[in-house]
Amino acid sequence: MEEKMFKATQVIQNLGMIMFPMNRVGHRMIAIDELVIIYGGYTFPGNGYDELWIYDCTRQKWRLFTLPDLLKDTCKNSSICANGSKIYIFGAPDMFGPQDIQNTLFAFDVRTLMWMDLFKELKNSEHRPPNMKTSNVMYDGESIYILGIDMDDVGVMYKFCLKKFLLSVITHVGDLRHPDYPGHCTLFKKR
């Protein structure tokens, strides 16, 4: 049985050289305290960066980490949020790539450098989100909210309870609007 939590692997290249992320688009960024985190992204014509960078503003130093295998296929169409020392990454496969890859939800603790595959512990997998063209995730009250547009251009919203590992569909009346680009959502009164 595979462990649900596992230590991140840091990449150390040429100890005498300064490491920093290459130019990219489509990546996700977030800050926790003195740390700036960059996840994924790609270059043109579409070469993906399946990596996680952490910049320590105090030490002025970059650190590079490899991603869990399940996240490597979802770097181009993902979203990220944070609470405390954890970042939460919802990864959806590239809509132009293989469609047999499922969405992922991982937590990464930037202090302990531990990954956790949250969907691996999912108690009700029948509610697993469909593949999405675009998505956003938000943290609120021990839950992760996943908002997106499925492959049929229908707006969908899910709530993942971090304590019980349960996923539920959020019902809504009318159209569920979603921005064209990730990172432009706000959760207010669980809506």
C-alpha atoms as a PDB file:
ATOM      1  CA  MET A   1       0.000   0.000   0.000  1.00  0.00           C
ATOM      2  CA  GLU A   2       1.321   3.401  -0.988  1.00  0.00           C
ATOM      3  CA  GLU A   3       1.765   5.972   1.773  1.00  0.00           C
ATOM      4  CA  LYS A   4      -0.648   8.901   1.703  1.00  0.00           C
ATOM      5  CA  MET A   5       2.055  11.279   2.988  1.00  0.00           C
ATOM      6  CA  PHE A   6       5.567  11.406   1.609  1.00  0.00           C
ATOM      7  CA  LYS A   7       8.613  13.656   1.765  1.00  0.00           C
ATOM      8  CA  ALA A   8       9.332  16.038  -1.108  1.00  0.00           C
ATOM      9  CA  THR A   9      12.449  15.470  -3.171  1.00  0.00           C
ATOM     10  CA  GLN A  10      14.627  18.548  -3.501  1.00  0.00           C
ATOM     11  CA  VAL A  11      16.680  18.918  -6.661  1.00  0.00           C
ATOM     12  CA  ILE A  12      20.242  20.048  -6.040  1.00  0.00           C
ATOM     13  CA  GLN A  13      22.160  21.054  -9.148  1.00  0.00           C
ATOM     14  CA  ASN A  14      25.731  22.334  -9.353  1.00  0.00           C
ATOM     15  CA  LEU A  15      26.215  23.548  -5.817  1.00  0.00           C
ATOM     16  CA  GLY A  16      28.352  26.467  -7.015  1.00  0.00           C
ATOM     17  CA  MET A  17      25.692  27.823  -9.392  1.00  0.00           C
ATOM     18  CA  ILE A  18      22.667  29.937  -8.564  1.00  0.00           C
ATOM     19  CA  MET A  19      19.378  28.197  -9.366  1.00  0.00           C
ATOM     20  CA  PHE A  20      16.250  30.059 -10.393  1.00  0.00           C
ATOM     21  CA  PRO A  21      13.093  29.259 -12.385  1.00  0.00           C
ATOM     22  CA  MET A  22      13.103  29.702 -16.160  1.00  0.00           C
ATOM     23  CA  ASN A  23      10.638  32.069 -17.838  1.00  0.00           C
ATOM     24  CA  ARG A  24       7.208  30.479 -18.176  1.00  0.00           C
ATOM     25  CA  VAL A  25       3.499  31.104 -18.666  1.00  0.00           C
ATOM     26  CA  GLY A  26       0.489  29.326 -17.223  1.00  0.00           C
ATOM     27  CA  HIS A  27       2.140  28.811 -13.849  1.00  0.00           C
ATOM     28  CA  ARG A  28       0.565  29.365 -10.441  1.00  0.00           C
ATOM     29  CA  MET A  29       2.071  31.503  -7.692  1.00  0.00           C
ATOM     30  CA  ILE A  30       1.221  31.999  -4.053  1.00  0.00           C
ATOM     31  CA  ALA A  31       2.954  33.365  -0.952  1.00  0.00           C
ATOM     32  CA  ILE A  32       3.109  31.983   2.579  1.00  0.00           C
ATOM     33  CA  ASP A  33       4.878  34.220   5.088  1.00  0.00           C
ATOM     34  CA  GLU A  34       8.402  34.814   3.719  1.00  0.00           C
ATOM     35  CA  LEU A  35       8.049  32.168   0.991  1.00  0.00           C
ATOM     36  CA  VAL A  36       6.963  32.619  -2.625  1.00  0.00           C
ATOM     37  CA  ILE A  37       5.877  29.410  -4.343  1.00  0.00           C
ATOM     38  CA  ILE A  38       5.774  28.835  -8.124  1.00  0.00           C
ATOM     39  CA  TYR A  39       4.066  25.716  -9.411  1.00  0.00           C
ATOM     40  CA  GLY A  40       4.029  24.288 -12.944  1.00  0.00           C
ATOM     41  CA  GLY A  41       3.689  26.348 -16.089  1.00  0.00           C
ATOM     42  CA  TYR A  42       5.029  25.857 -19.578  1.00  0.00           C
ATOM     43  CA  THR A  43       6.963  27.486 -22.415  1.00  0.00           C
ATOM     44  CA  PHE A  44       5.916  27.920 -25.998  1.00  0.00           C
ATOM     45  CA  PRO A  45       5.360  25.684 -27.941  1.00  0.00           C
ATOM     46  CA  GLY A  46       4.089  23.898 -24.830  1.00  0.00           C
ATOM     47  CA  ASN A  47       6.960  22.244 -22.999  1.00  0.00           C
ATOM     48  CA  GLY A  48       5.742  21.743 -19.436  1.00  0.00           C
ATOM     49  CA  TYR A  49       7.530  22.486 -16.182  1.00  0.00           C
ATOM     50  CA  ASP A  50       6.571  19.715 -13.776  1.00  0.00           C
ATOM     51  CA  GLU A  51       8.238  21.320 -10.782  1.00  0.00           C
ATOM     52  CA  LEU A  52       7.680  23.382  -7.652  1.00  0.00           C
ATOM     53  CA  TRP A  53       9.953  26.314  -6.783  1.00  0.00           C
ATOM     54  CA  ILE A  54      10.107  27.978  -3.363  1.00  0.00           C
ATOM     55  CA  TYR A  55      11.818  31.338  -2.909  1.00  0.00           C
ATOM     56  CA  ASP A  56      12.816  32.297   0.628  1.00  0.00           C
ATOM     57  CA  CYS A  57      12.690  36.119   0.717  1.00  0.00           C
ATOM     58  CA  THR A  58      14.693  36.217   3.953  1.00  0.00           C
ATOM     59  CA  ARG A  59      17.562  34.040   2.726  1.00  0.00           C
ATOM     60  CA  GLN A  60      17.138  35.205  -0.899  1.00  0.00           C
ATOM     61  CA  LYS A  61      17.453  31.656  -2.147  1.00  0.00           C
ATOM     62  CA  TRP A  62      15.477  29.454  -4.544  1.00  0.00           C
ATOM     63  CA  ARG A  63      14.807  25.757  -3.886  1.00  0.00           C
ATOM     64  CA  LEU A  64      13.542  23.348  -6.537  1.00  0.00           C
ATOM     65  CA  PHE A  65      11.381  20.294  -5.814  1.00  0.00           C
ATOM     66  CA  THR A  66      10.170  17.501  -8.069  1.00  0.00           C
ATOM     67  CA  LEU A  67       6.451  16.791  -8.144  1.00  0.00           C
ATOM     68  CA  PRO A  68       4.652  13.573  -7.272  1.00  0.00           C
ATOM     69  CA  ASP A  69       4.047  11.508 -10.420  1.00  0.00           C
ATOM     70  CA  LEU A  70       0.279  12.107 -10.334  1.00  0.00           C
ATOM     71  CA  LEU A  71       0.795  15.887 -10.429  1.00  0.00           C
ATOM     72  CA  LYS A  72       3.233  15.843 -13.351  1.00  0.00           C
ATOM     73  CA  ASP A  73       0.407  15.296 -15.850  1.00  0.00           C
ATOM     74  CA  THR A  74      -1.704  18.160 -14.479  1.00  0.00           C
ATOM     75  CA  CYS A  75       0.698  21.128 -14.382  1.00  0.00           C
ATOM     76  CA  LYS A  76      -0.795  23.026 -17.331  1.00  0.00           C
ATOM     77  CA  ASN A  77      -4.366  23.229 -16.072  1.00  0.00           C
ATOM     78  CA  SER A  78      -4.210  23.589 -12.317  1.00  0.00           C
ATOM     79  CA  SER A  79      -5.036  25.945  -9.483  1.00  0.00           C
ATOM     80  CA  ILE A  80      -3.563  26.640  -6.071  1.00  0.00           C
ATOM     81  CA  CYS A  81      -4.543  28.112  -2.701  1.00  0.00           C
ATOM     82  CA  ALA A  82      -2.993  28.246   0.762  1.00  0.00           C
ATOM     83  CA  ASN A  83      -3.843  28.127   4.437  1.00  0.00           C
ATOM     84  CA  GLY A  84      -1.279  28.210   7.213  1.00  0.00           C
ATOM     85  CA  SER A  85       1.850  26.386   6.086  1.00  0.00           C
ATOM     86  CA  LYS A  86       0.033  24.299   3.462  1.00  0.00           C
ATOM     87  CA  ILE A  87      -0.608  24.885  -0.191  1.00  0.00           C
ATOM     88  CA  TYR A  88      -3.388  22.975  -1.908  1.00  0.00           C
ATOM     89  CA  ILE A  89      -3.002  22.107  -5.585  1.00  0.00           C
ATOM     90  CA  PHE A  90      -5.926  20.975  -7.713  1.00  0.00           C
ATOM     91  CA  GLY A  91      -4.512  19.545 -10.909  1.00  0.00           C
ATOM     92  CA  ALA A  92      -6.575  18.902 -13.999  1.00  0.00           C
ATOM     93  CA  PRO A  93      -5.121  17.255 -17.100  1.00  0.00           C
ATOM     94  CA  ASP A  94      -4.298  19.328 -20.161  1.00  0.00           C
ATOM     95  CA  MET A  95      -7.531  19.536 -22.169  1.00  0.00           C
ATOM     96  CA  PHE A  96      -5.571  18.760 -25.353  1.00  0.00           C
ATOM     97  CA  GLY A  97      -3.717  15.834 -23.756  1.00  0.00           C
ATOM     98  CA  PRO A  98      -4.747  12.283 -22.861  1.00  0.00           C
ATOM     99  CA  GLN A  99      -8.217  12.141 -21.319  1.00  0.00           C
ATOM    100  CA  ASP A 100      -7.592   9.052 -19.183  1.00  0.00           C
ATOM    101  CA  ILE A 101      -5.756  11.148 -16.568  1.00  0.00           C
ATOM    102  CA  GLN A 102      -7.867  12.049 -13.532  1.00  0.00           C
ATOM    103  CA  ASN A 103      -7.951  15.276 -11.559  1.00  0.00           C
ATOM    104  CA  THR A 104      -5.750  15.417  -8.472  1.00  0.00           C
ATOM    105  CA  LEU A 105      -5.840  17.271  -5.158  1.00  0.00           C
ATOM    106  CA  PHE A 106      -2.599  17.468  -3.193  1.00  0.00           C
ATOM    107  CA  ALA A 107      -1.517  19.294  -0.048  1.00  0.00           C
ATOM    108  CA  PHE A 108       2.104  20.387   0.389  1.00  0.00           C
ATOM    109  CA  ASP A 109       3.414  21.630   3.730  1.00  0.00           C
ATOM    110  CA  VAL A 110       6.137  24.212   3.038  1.00  0.00           C
ATOM    111  CA  ARG A 111       7.610  23.792   6.547  1.00  0.00           C
ATOM    112  CA  THR A 112       7.856  19.989   6.764  1.00  0.00           C
ATOM    113  CA  LEU A 113       8.200  19.524   2.970  1.00  0.00           C
ATOM    114  CA  MET A 114       5.602  16.731   3.053  1.00  0.00           C
ATOM    115  CA  TRP A 115       3.145  15.952   0.246  1.00  0.00           C
ATOM    116  CA  MET A 116      -0.274  14.392   0.805  1.00  0.00           C
ATOM    117  CA  ASP A 117      -2.515  12.966  -1.918  1.00  0.00           C
ATOM    118  CA  LEU A 118      -5.940  14.076  -0.660  1.00  0.00           C
ATOM    119  CA  PHE A 119      -7.997  12.265  -3.312  1.00  0.00           C
ATOM    120  CA  LYS A 120      -6.227   9.004  -2.378  1.00  0.00           C
ATOM    121  CA  GLU A 121      -8.135   9.150   0.924  1.00  0.00           C
ATOM    122  CA  LEU A 122     -11.436  10.124  -0.716  1.00  0.00           C
ATOM    123  CA  LYS A 123     -14.341   8.309   0.979  1.00  0.00           C
ATOM    124  CA  ASN A 124     -16.877   8.902  -1.810  1.00  0.00           C
ATOM    125  CA  SER A 125     -15.105   8.693  -5.160  1.00  0.00           C
ATOM    126  CA  GLU A 126     -18.401   8.815  -7.089  1.00  0.00           C
ATOM    127  CA  HIS A 127     -18.337  12.606  -6.586  1.00  0.00           C
ATOM    128  CA  ARG A 128     -14.834  13.034  -8.021  1.00  0.00           C
ATOM    129  CA  PRO A 129     -14.793  16.159 -10.240  1.00  0.00           C
ATOM    130  CA  PRO A 130     -14.808  15.644 -14.009  1.00  0.00           C
ATOM    131  CA  ASN A 131     -11.946  16.858 -16.174  1.00  0.00           C
ATOM    132  CA  MET A 132     -12.096  20.640 -16.421  1.00  0.00           C
ATOM    133  CA  LYS A 133     -11.006  23.278 -18.918  1.00  0.00           C
ATOM    134  CA  THR A 134     -10.193  25.730 -16.157  1.00  0.00           C
ATOM    135  CA  SER A 135     -10.413  25.691 -12.372  1.00  0.00           C
ATOM    136  CA  ASN A 136      -9.937  27.637  -9.167  1.00  0.00           C
ATOM    137  CA  VAL A 137      -9.536  26.392  -5.615  1.00  0.00           C
ATOM    138  CA  MET A 138     -10.237  28.246  -2.405  1.00  0.00           C
ATOM    139  CA  TYR A 139      -9.776  27.338   1.262  1.00  0.00           C
ATOM    140  CA  ASP A 140     -12.530  28.075   3.763  1.00  0.00           C
ATOM    141  CA  GLY A 141     -13.248  26.524   7.156  1.00  0.00           C
ATOM    142  CA  GLU A 142     -11.447  23.154   6.858  1.00  0.00           C
ATOM    143  CA  SER A 143     -12.669  22.699   3.286  1.00  0.00           C
ATOM    144  CA  ILE A 144     -11.306  23.189  -0.200  1.00  0.00           C
ATOM    145  CA  TYR A 145     -13.770  24.561  -2.747  1.00  0.00           C
ATOM    146  CA  ILE A 146     -13.150  23.606  -6.378  1.00  0.00           C
ATOM    147  CA  LEU A 147     -14.810  25.791  -9.012  1.00  0.00           C
ATOM    148  CA  GLY A 148     -14.423  25.076 -12.697  1.00  0.00           C
ATOM    149  CA  ILE A 149     -15.800  24.587 -16.165  1.00  0.00           C
ATOM    150  CA  ASP A 150     -16.145  20.999 -17.318  1.00  0.00           C
ATOM    151  CA  MET A 151     -15.396  19.795 -20.845  1.00  0.00           C
ATOM    152  CA  ASP A 152     -19.001  20.605 -21.890  1.00  0.00           C
ATOM    153  CA  ASP A 153     -18.620  24.270 -20.795  1.00  0.00           C
ATOM    154  CA  VAL A 154     -20.824  23.740 -17.742  1.00  0.00           C
ATOM    155  CA  GLY A 155     -19.867  25.481 -14.496  1.00  0.00           C
ATOM    156  CA  VAL A 156     -19.326  23.079 -11.593  1.00  0.00           C
ATOM    157  CA  MET A 157     -18.445  23.521  -7.915  1.00  0.00           C
ATOM    158  CA  TYR A 158     -17.294  20.969  -5.340  1.00  0.00           C
ATOM    159  CA  LYS A 159     -16.474  21.048  -1.645  1.00  0.00           C
ATOM    160  CA  PHE A 160     -13.740  18.768  -0.259  1.00  0.00           C
ATOM    161  CA  CYS A 161     -13.872  18.360   3.538  1.00  0.00           C
ATOM    162  CA  LEU A 162     -10.299  18.071   4.843  1.00  0.00           C
ATOM    163  CA  LYS A 163     -11.337  16.417   8.121  1.00  0.00           C
ATOM    164  CA  LYS A 164     -13.614  13.703   6.714  1.00  0.00           C
ATOM    165  CA  PHE A 165     -12.108  13.319   3.210  1.00  0.00           C
ATOM    166  CA  LEU A 166     -15.558  13.699   1.665  1.00  0.00           C
ATOM    167  CA  LEU A 167     -16.314  15.434  -1.607  1.00  0.00           C
ATOM    168  CA  SER A 168     -19.717  16.955  -2.294  1.00  0.00           C
ATOM    169  CA  VAL A 169     -21.267  18.725  -5.248  1.00  0.00           C
ATOM    170  CA  ILE A 170     -22.365  22.287  -4.498  1.00  0.00           C
ATOM    171  CA  THR A 171     -25.763  22.827  -6.067  1.00  0.00           C
ATOM    172  CA  HIS A 172     -26.565  26.192  -7.541  1.00  0.00           C
ATOM    173  CA  VAL A 173     -29.482  27.906  -9.217  1.00  0.00           C
ATOM    174  CA  GLY A 174     -28.940  29.152 -12.751  1.00  0.00           C
ATOM    175  CA  ASP A 175     -25.612  29.624 -14.475  1.00  0.00           C
ATOM    176  CA  LEU A 176     -22.436  29.167 -12.449  1.00  0.00           C
ATOM    177  CA  ARG A 177     -20.166  31.826 -13.885  1.00  0.00           C
ATOM    178  CA  HIS A 178     -16.465  31.169 -13.991  1.00  0.00           C
ATOM    179  CA  PRO A 179     -13.698  33.558 -14.988  1.00  0.00           C
ATOM    180  CA  ASP A 180     -11.714  32.854 -18.147  1.00  0.00           C
ATOM    181  CA  TYR A 181      -8.468  32.691 -16.193  1.00  0.00           C
ATOM    182  CA  PRO A 182      -7.601  30.982 -12.892  1.00  0.00           C
ATOM    183  CA  GLY A 183      -6.998  33.021  -9.771  1.00  0.00           C
ATOM    184  CA  HIS A 184      -9.855  35.485 -10.027  1.00  0.00           C
ATOM    185  CA  CYS A 185     -12.373  34.123  -7.519  1.00  0.00           C
ATOM    186  CA  THR A 186     -13.479  34.991  -4.015  1.00  0.00           C
ATOM    187  CA  LEU A 187     -15.469  32.847  -1.620  1.00  0.00           C
ATOM    188  CA  PHE A 188     -18.043  34.772   0.426  1.00  0.00           C
ATOM    189  CA  LYS A 189     -20.439  33.063   2.851  1.00  0.00           C
ATOM    190  CA  LYS A 190     -19.609  29.708   1.242  1.00  0.00           C
ATOM    191  CA  ARG A 191     -20.722  30.997  -2.188  1.00  0.00           C
END
